[in-house]
Amino acid sequence: MTLASELSFTPEVARATAPIHQRVKAVIPDIEWPVHAPYVDAINRLKQERNAVILAHNYQAPEIFHCVADIVGDSLALARKAAKTRADIIVMAGVHFMAETVKLLNPEKTILIPDLMAGCSLAASITGADVRLMREKYPGAPVVTYVNTSAEVKAESDICCTSGNAVEVVESLGAERVIFLPDEYLARYVAGQTSTEIIYWRGHCEVHERFTARELEDYREQFSDIVIIAHPECPPDVLETADFVGSTARMIDYVGRERPPRVLLVTECTMSDNVAVEYPEIDFIRPCNLCPHMKRITLAGIFDSLCRLEPTVEIEPATAARARVAVERMLALGG
C-alpha cells in the first residue's frame, strides 16, 4: 500500500487530477495544488478499493469538499444521505458528533473520523446528566436536542433537530413548552418563529458567537450593495442586522436563488470558498472566523484513516439504541 511519504506530484498525478484542479482554481492557489493533488489522487483511488464514501460538511476546506468528498452538505443533509449509502466504509470529514450520528444510522458499517480530537464547543457544553436535570426541573416538557451534541445527550432526548428544521421539529411536538438544547442563540431564534415556549441552555458555538452587529454594520458602510446572510447560531443582534437568516443549506440556496453581486456569509468562513466555486461571479466578503475543530480534518488525515481503517467511531450499544430513536424521529419528519 502506498505510504504518505511516497506520494509525489508526478505527471501522471497532474493529468489524473487536472479536471478537479480546473474546477477549484479560483479558491486553491496554483502553488498549493502540487501539495494537494497526490493526496486527492490517492484518496479517490483508495475509496474505490475500500468501497468507501467520504461525507464532508460545508465547513471543510475546498481540497476536501470539492476534490475527494462524495456527499456534501449541512448536518441534516449528511444525516439523511448517510442513512441511504451502500458503502461499507464511511469517512466523516467533519467533527465527532457528526461521525457519531452517522454511526447511529449505520450501526453495521465502519465509520471513520480522521481525527478523534475534532470536537465541538456546543457538544462539549452539555452532558446527559445535564439533560436529566433539565427534565426534573421542567417535568413533562419534551426535549429537543440539536444534532451538535454527543450520542449520550441524544440518548436523553425525545427528538433531534438541525438549524435547518428546528422550528418544524418544535412545532411537530404540539407542546406548550419545549426544552431546546444546547445552543442558546438558535433557541432564541426558534422562539421568535413559534408560539411554543422555549426553555434554553446557554451553549454557544465558538465560531458564531464571535460575530457582532457592529462588525456587520462596518461592512455595510464599506460596501453599500452587500447582502448579509447569517447562521441562526449567531447572537440575536447579529441576526437582526442580517438580511437573511438560515442554516448553511438555506444560506447556499439563497445565494443561488438571489445571486447578489456581493455577499457576506456570517458563518465559518471556509464555506464562502466552497460556495464561490459554484458562483464565481459573486464577490464573497470573508470575515474569517475559522472552526479549529473542522480544520483538524486534512487530506493527509483522510488518506491515513482510509489506509489504516482507523480511528473508528464506536458507541455503547444501549446509548446508541436510545440516541438512534431521537435521530430517526427527526428524519421521519421528512421535508
Protein backbone atom coordinates (compact mmCIF):
# COMPACT_ATOMS: atom_id res chain seq x y z
CA MET A 1 0.00 0.00 0.00
CA THR A 2 1.27 3.49 -0.84
CA LEU A 3 2.61 5.43 2.11
CA ALA A 4 2.09 9.16 2.58
CA SER A 5 5.85 9.62 2.38
CA GLU A 6 5.81 8.09 -1.11
CA LEU A 7 3.19 10.42 -2.58
CA SER A 8 4.55 12.86 -5.11
CA PHE A 9 3.28 15.21 -7.80
CA THR A 10 4.10 13.22 -10.90
CA PRO A 11 2.97 13.97 -14.47
CA GLU A 12 0.51 11.07 -14.13
CA VAL A 13 -1.00 12.60 -10.97
CA ALA A 14 -1.16 16.01 -12.66
CA ARG A 15 -3.11 14.54 -15.59
CA ALA A 16 -5.43 12.50 -13.39
CA THR A 17 -6.35 15.47 -11.21
CA ALA A 18 -6.41 18.17 -13.92
CA PRO A 19 -10.24 18.36 -14.19
CA ILE A 20 -10.54 18.73 -10.42
CA HIS A 21 -7.78 21.33 -10.37
CA GLN A 22 -9.54 23.36 -13.04
CA ARG A 23 -12.74 23.38 -11.00
CA VAL A 24 -11.13 24.74 -7.83
CA LYS A 25 -8.52 27.10 -9.30
CA ALA A 26 -10.40 30.15 -8.03
CA VAL A 27 -10.13 29.09 -4.39
CA ILE A 28 -6.98 26.94 -4.28
CA PRO A 29 -3.86 28.77 -5.48
CA ASP A 30 -1.88 27.02 -8.20
CA ILE A 31 1.17 26.95 -5.97
CA GLU A 32 -0.72 24.75 -3.48
CA TRP A 33 -2.01 22.18 -5.98
CA PRO A 34 1.18 20.06 -6.15
CA VAL A 35 0.78 19.52 -2.40
CA HIS A 36 -2.89 18.54 -2.57
CA ALA A 37 -3.01 16.61 -5.85
CA PRO A 38 -1.10 13.45 -4.77
CA TYR A 39 -3.47 13.03 -1.83
CA VAL A 40 -6.54 13.77 -3.96
CA ASP A 41 -5.48 11.14 -6.50
CA ALA A 42 -4.57 8.54 -3.87
CA ILE A 43 -7.74 9.06 -1.81
CA ASN A 44 -10.05 8.83 -4.81
CA ARG A 45 -8.40 5.56 -5.86
CA LEU A 46 -8.41 4.19 -2.32
CA LYS A 47 -12.13 4.88 -1.96
CA GLN A 48 -12.82 2.57 -4.87
CA GLU A 49 -10.66 -0.18 -3.39
CA ARG A 50 -12.31 0.09 0.02
CA ASN A 51 -15.90 0.65 -1.16
CA ALA A 52 -15.80 3.83 0.91
CA VAL A 53 -17.51 7.19 0.71
CA ILE A 54 -16.46 10.49 2.21
CA LEU A 55 -19.01 12.80 3.80
CA ALA A 56 -17.93 16.44 4.08
CA HIS A 57 -19.62 19.25 5.95
CA ASN A 58 -19.94 22.67 4.34
CA TYR A 59 -17.15 23.97 6.58
CA GLN A 60 -14.50 21.63 5.21
CA ALA A 61 -11.61 23.04 3.18
CA PRO A 62 -12.11 23.14 -0.62
CA GLU A 63 -9.47 20.48 -1.27
CA ILE A 64 -11.67 18.11 0.76
CA PHE A 65 -15.13 19.44 -0.07
CA HIS A 66 -14.66 19.67 -3.84
CA CYS A 67 -11.86 17.20 -4.52
CA VAL A 68 -12.49 13.98 -2.55
CA ALA A 69 -15.95 14.20 -0.93
CA ASP A 70 -18.81 12.09 -2.29
CA ILE A 71 -21.58 13.59 -0.18
CA VAL A 72 -21.56 17.21 0.99
CA GLY A 73 -23.96 19.44 2.88
CA ASP A 74 -25.14 20.59 6.26
CA SER A 75 -25.78 18.32 9.23
CA LEU A 76 -29.32 17.41 8.13
CA ALA A 77 -28.33 16.58 4.55
CA LEU A 78 -25.39 14.47 5.70
CA ALA A 79 -27.55 12.59 8.20
CA ARG A 80 -30.22 11.80 5.61
CA LYS A 81 -27.80 10.73 2.89
CA ALA A 82 -25.64 8.72 5.28
CA ALA A 83 -28.67 6.61 6.14
CA LYS A 84 -29.01 5.58 2.48
CA THR A 85 -25.43 4.88 1.41
CA ARG A 86 -24.44 1.36 0.37
CA ALA A 87 -20.75 1.85 1.06
CA ASP A 88 -19.05 -0.44 3.55
CA ILE A 89 -16.91 2.35 4.96
CA ILE A 90 -17.91 5.94 5.66
CA VAL A 91 -15.34 8.63 6.37
CA MET A 92 -16.68 11.69 8.15
CA ALA A 93 -14.85 14.83 7.12
CA GLY A 94 -16.40 16.84 9.91
CA VAL A 95 -16.49 16.78 13.69
CA HIS A 96 -17.03 13.96 16.14
CA PHE A 97 -20.76 14.40 16.83
CA MET A 98 -21.39 14.16 13.09
CA ALA A 99 -19.46 10.89 12.92
CA GLU A 100 -21.48 9.58 15.87
CA THR A 101 -24.73 10.49 14.11
CA VAL A 102 -23.60 8.60 11.02
CA LYS A 103 -22.74 5.59 13.20
CA LEU A 104 -26.20 5.70 14.80
CA LEU A 105 -27.77 5.44 11.35
CA ASN A 106 -25.28 2.86 10.06
CA PRO A 107 -24.53 0.63 13.06
CA GLU A 108 -23.16 -2.23 10.95
CA LYS A 109 -20.82 -0.08 8.86
CA THR A 110 -17.28 1.05 9.62
CA ILE A 111 -17.34 4.77 10.41
CA LEU A 112 -14.03 6.60 10.36
CA ILE A 113 -13.10 10.06 11.55
CA PRO A 114 -9.56 11.12 10.65
CA ASP A 115 -9.01 12.96 13.94
CA LEU A 116 -10.75 11.96 17.17
CA MET A 117 -9.95 15.41 18.60
CA ALA A 118 -12.22 17.14 16.08
CA GLY A 119 -14.78 18.22 18.64
CA CYS A 120 -17.37 20.99 19.02
CA SER A 121 -17.89 23.70 21.63
CA LEU A 122 -21.65 23.08 21.58
CA ALA A 123 -21.30 19.35 22.06
CA ALA A 124 -18.87 19.99 24.92
CA SER A 125 -21.27 22.39 26.65
CA ILE A 126 -23.75 19.77 27.87
CA THR A 127 -23.86 16.20 29.20
CA GLY A 128 -26.51 13.54 29.56
CA ALA A 129 -26.69 14.32 33.29
CA ASP A 130 -27.48 17.95 32.43
CA VAL A 131 -30.41 16.84 30.28
CA ARG A 132 -31.77 14.67 33.08
CA LEU A 133 -31.61 17.63 35.47
CA MET A 134 -33.50 19.78 32.96
CA ARG A 135 -36.22 17.15 32.75
CA GLU A 136 -36.52 17.18 36.55
CA LYS A 137 -36.77 20.96 36.58
CA TYR A 138 -39.39 21.09 33.81
CA PRO A 139 -41.39 17.86 34.13
CA GLY A 140 -43.44 16.94 31.09
CA ALA A 141 -41.61 19.25 28.69
CA PRO A 142 -40.24 17.31 25.71
CA VAL A 143 -36.54 17.68 24.95
CA VAL A 144 -35.42 18.78 21.51
CA THR A 145 -31.69 18.34 21.07
CA TYR A 146 -29.63 19.98 18.36
CA VAL A 147 -27.58 17.42 16.42
CA ASN A 148 -24.46 19.27 17.59
CA THR A 149 -24.37 17.03 20.66
CA SER A 150 -22.90 13.72 21.77
CA ALA A 151 -24.74 10.42 21.45
CA GLU A 152 -25.00 10.43 25.24
CA VAL A 153 -27.03 13.65 25.11
CA LYS A 154 -29.13 12.49 22.17
CA ALA A 155 -29.99 9.38 24.19
CA GLU A 156 -31.62 11.57 26.85
CA SER A 157 -33.71 13.43 24.26
CA ASP A 158 -37.10 12.97 22.64
CA ILE A 159 -36.11 14.18 19.18
CA CYS A 160 -33.17 15.81 17.43
CA CYS A 161 -33.11 18.79 15.10
CA THR A 162 -30.72 20.78 12.95
CA SER A 163 -30.66 24.52 12.33
CA GLY A 164 -32.50 23.79 9.09
CA ASN A 165 -35.52 22.08 10.63
CA ALA A 166 -35.53 23.30 14.26
CA VAL A 167 -38.81 25.23 14.02
CA GLU A 168 -40.53 22.34 12.24
CA VAL A 169 -39.34 19.87 14.87
CA VAL A 170 -40.52 22.04 17.78
CA GLU A 171 -43.95 22.57 16.27
CA SER A 172 -44.31 18.88 15.42
CA LEU A 173 -44.45 18.08 19.14
CA GLY A 174 -47.63 20.07 19.77
CA ALA A 175 -46.38 21.01 23.24
CA GLU A 176 -46.94 24.28 25.07
CA ARG A 177 -43.30 24.42 26.09
CA VAL A 178 -40.18 22.61 24.93
CA ILE A 179 -36.67 22.20 26.33
CA PHE A 180 -34.30 23.12 23.49
CA LEU A 181 -30.62 22.19 23.89
CA PRO A 182 -27.82 23.24 23.82
CA ASP A 183 -27.46 26.36 21.60
CA GLU A 184 -28.89 29.45 23.31
CA TYR A 185 -28.89 31.64 20.21
CA LEU A 186 -30.55 29.06 18.00
CA ALA A 187 -33.13 28.51 20.74
CA ARG A 188 -33.84 32.25 20.90
CA TYR A 189 -34.18 32.35 17.12
CA VAL A 190 -36.63 29.43 17.19
CA ALA A 191 -38.59 31.12 19.98
CA GLY A 192 -39.13 34.08 17.66
CA GLN A 193 -40.56 31.80 14.96
CA THR A 194 -43.08 29.84 17.06
CA SER A 195 -45.67 30.36 19.79
CA THR A 196 -44.21 27.44 21.76
CA GLU A 197 -42.39 28.45 24.95
CA ILE A 198 -38.71 27.61 24.53
CA ILE A 199 -36.58 26.71 27.55
CA TYR A 200 -32.94 27.01 26.53
CA TRP A 201 -29.44 26.07 27.62
CA ARG A 202 -26.54 28.53 27.46
CA GLY A 203 -24.33 26.69 25.00
CA HIS A 204 -22.65 28.65 22.19
CA CYS A 205 -20.72 27.94 19.01
CA GLU A 206 -17.23 29.38 19.43
CA VAL A 207 -17.23 30.49 15.78
CA HIS A 208 -20.65 32.12 15.51
CA GLU A 209 -20.62 33.81 18.91
CA ARG A 210 -17.63 35.93 17.84
CA PHE A 211 -19.61 37.87 15.24
CA THR A 212 -21.03 41.25 16.28
CA ALA A 213 -23.64 43.60 14.87
CA ARG A 214 -21.08 46.41 14.85
CA GLU A 215 -18.82 44.33 12.65
CA LEU A 216 -21.62 43.80 10.14
CA GLU A 217 -22.55 47.48 10.18
CA ASP A 218 -18.93 48.32 9.37
CA TYR A 219 -19.15 46.10 6.30
CA ARG A 220 -22.36 47.84 5.22
CA GLU A 221 -20.60 51.19 5.46
CA GLN A 222 -17.75 49.87 3.34
CA PHE A 223 -19.91 48.05 0.75
CA SER A 224 -23.26 49.69 0.07
CA ASP A 225 -24.55 46.78 -2.03
CA ILE A 226 -23.60 43.97 0.35
CA VAL A 227 -26.15 41.29 1.26
CA ILE A 228 -25.60 39.79 4.71
CA ILE A 229 -26.70 36.20 5.35
CA ALA A 230 -26.34 34.86 8.90
CA HIS A 231 -26.48 31.49 10.58
CA PRO A 232 -29.01 31.26 13.47
CA GLU A 233 -26.24 30.21 15.89
CA CYS A 234 -25.14 33.87 15.83
CA PRO A 235 -26.10 36.32 18.63
CA PRO A 236 -29.53 37.98 18.33
CA ASP A 237 -28.16 41.43 17.42
CA VAL A 238 -26.28 39.86 14.51
CA LEU A 239 -29.44 38.16 13.25
CA GLU A 240 -31.34 41.44 13.49
CA THR A 241 -28.70 43.13 11.36
CA ALA A 242 -28.67 40.43 8.67
CA ASP A 243 -30.78 40.47 5.51
CA PHE A 244 -31.46 36.73 5.71
CA VAL A 245 -31.09 34.07 8.41
CA GLY A 246 -30.84 30.35 7.74
CA SER A 247 -28.96 27.10 8.06
CA THR A 248 -25.90 26.57 5.89
CA ALA A 249 -28.05 24.80 3.30
CA ARG A 250 -30.54 27.66 3.22
CA MET A 251 -27.73 30.19 3.01
CA ILE A 252 -26.42 28.42 -0.07
CA ASP A 253 -29.93 28.17 -1.56
CA TYR A 254 -30.41 31.92 -1.03
CA VAL A 255 -27.17 32.75 -2.84
CA GLY A 256 -28.12 30.52 -5.75
CA ARG A 257 -31.64 31.89 -5.97
CA GLU A 258 -30.98 35.61 -5.49
CA ARG A 259 -27.45 35.87 -6.96
CA PRO A 260 -26.48 39.02 -5.03
CA PRO A 261 -23.44 40.72 -6.59
CA ARG A 262 -21.70 40.94 -3.20
CA VAL A 263 -22.44 38.76 -0.18
CA LEU A 264 -21.19 38.14 3.33
CA LEU A 265 -21.88 34.71 4.81
CA VAL A 266 -21.88 35.11 8.58
CA THR A 267 -20.65 31.64 9.44
CA GLU A 268 -17.43 29.62 9.30
CA CYS A 269 -15.54 31.37 6.53
CA THR A 270 -14.37 28.30 4.62
CA MET A 271 -17.95 27.87 3.43
CA SER A 272 -17.55 31.03 1.35
CA ASP A 273 -14.73 29.36 -0.57
CA ASN A 274 -16.89 26.30 -1.23
CA VAL A 275 -19.87 28.33 -2.41
CA ALA A 276 -17.64 30.60 -4.50
CA VAL A 277 -16.67 27.61 -6.65
CA GLU A 278 -20.31 27.36 -7.75
CA TYR A 279 -20.85 31.11 -8.16
CA PRO A 280 -17.57 32.68 -9.33
CA GLU A 281 -19.36 35.84 -10.48
CA ILE A 282 -20.33 36.74 -6.89
CA ASP A 283 -17.96 38.74 -4.70
CA PHE A 284 -17.76 36.97 -1.33
CA ILE A 285 -16.63 39.19 1.55
CA ARG A 286 -14.96 36.97 4.15
CA PRO A 287 -14.85 37.85 7.86
CA CYS A 288 -12.60 34.89 8.52
CA ASN A 289 -13.76 33.09 11.66
CA LEU A 290 -12.43 29.54 11.37
CA CYS A 291 -13.56 26.46 13.29
CA PRO A 292 -10.39 24.93 14.79
CA HIS A 293 -12.11 21.56 15.10
CA MET A 294 -13.15 21.32 11.44
CA LYS A 295 -9.63 22.26 10.43
CA ARG A 296 -8.24 19.22 12.20
CA ILE A 297 -9.51 17.21 9.22
CA THR A 298 -6.94 17.21 6.40
CA LEU A 299 -6.29 15.32 3.19
CA ALA A 300 -3.33 13.61 4.83
CA GLY A 301 -5.54 12.56 7.74
CA ILE A 302 -8.23 11.19 5.43
CA PHE A 303 -5.63 9.23 3.45
CA ASP A 304 -4.10 7.79 6.60
CA SER A 305 -7.52 6.88 8.00
CA LEU A 306 -8.51 5.04 4.82
CA CYS A 307 -5.19 3.20 4.77
CA ARG A 308 -5.39 2.05 8.39
CA LEU A 309 -9.20 1.94 8.70
CA GLU A 310 -8.78 3.89 11.93
CA PRO A 311 -9.83 5.71 14.06
CA THR A 312 -13.26 4.12 14.14
CA VAL A 313 -16.30 5.59 15.84
CA GLU A 314 -17.97 3.33 18.39
CA ILE A 315 -20.97 3.99 20.65
CA GLU A 316 -22.04 1.94 23.66
CA PRO A 317 -24.99 -0.20 22.38
CA ALA A 318 -27.61 0.84 24.95
CA THR A 319 -26.77 4.52 24.45
CA ALA A 320 -26.82 4.09 20.69
CA ALA A 321 -30.24 2.45 20.73
CA ARG A 322 -31.81 5.35 22.63
CA ALA A 323 -29.98 8.04 20.67
CA ARG A 324 -30.96 6.44 17.38
CA VAL A 325 -34.64 6.88 18.23
CA ALA A 326 -34.22 10.65 18.63
CA VAL A 327 -32.39 10.97 15.30
CA GLU A 328 -34.83 8.74 13.43
CA ARG A 329 -37.79 10.73 14.76
CA MET A 330 -36.22 13.82 13.21
CA LEU A 331 -35.60 12.12 9.87
CA ALA A 332 -39.15 10.78 9.83
CA LEU A 333 -40.46 14.33 9.55
CA GLY A 334 -39.06 14.43 6.01
CA GLY A 335 -39.03 17.77 4.28
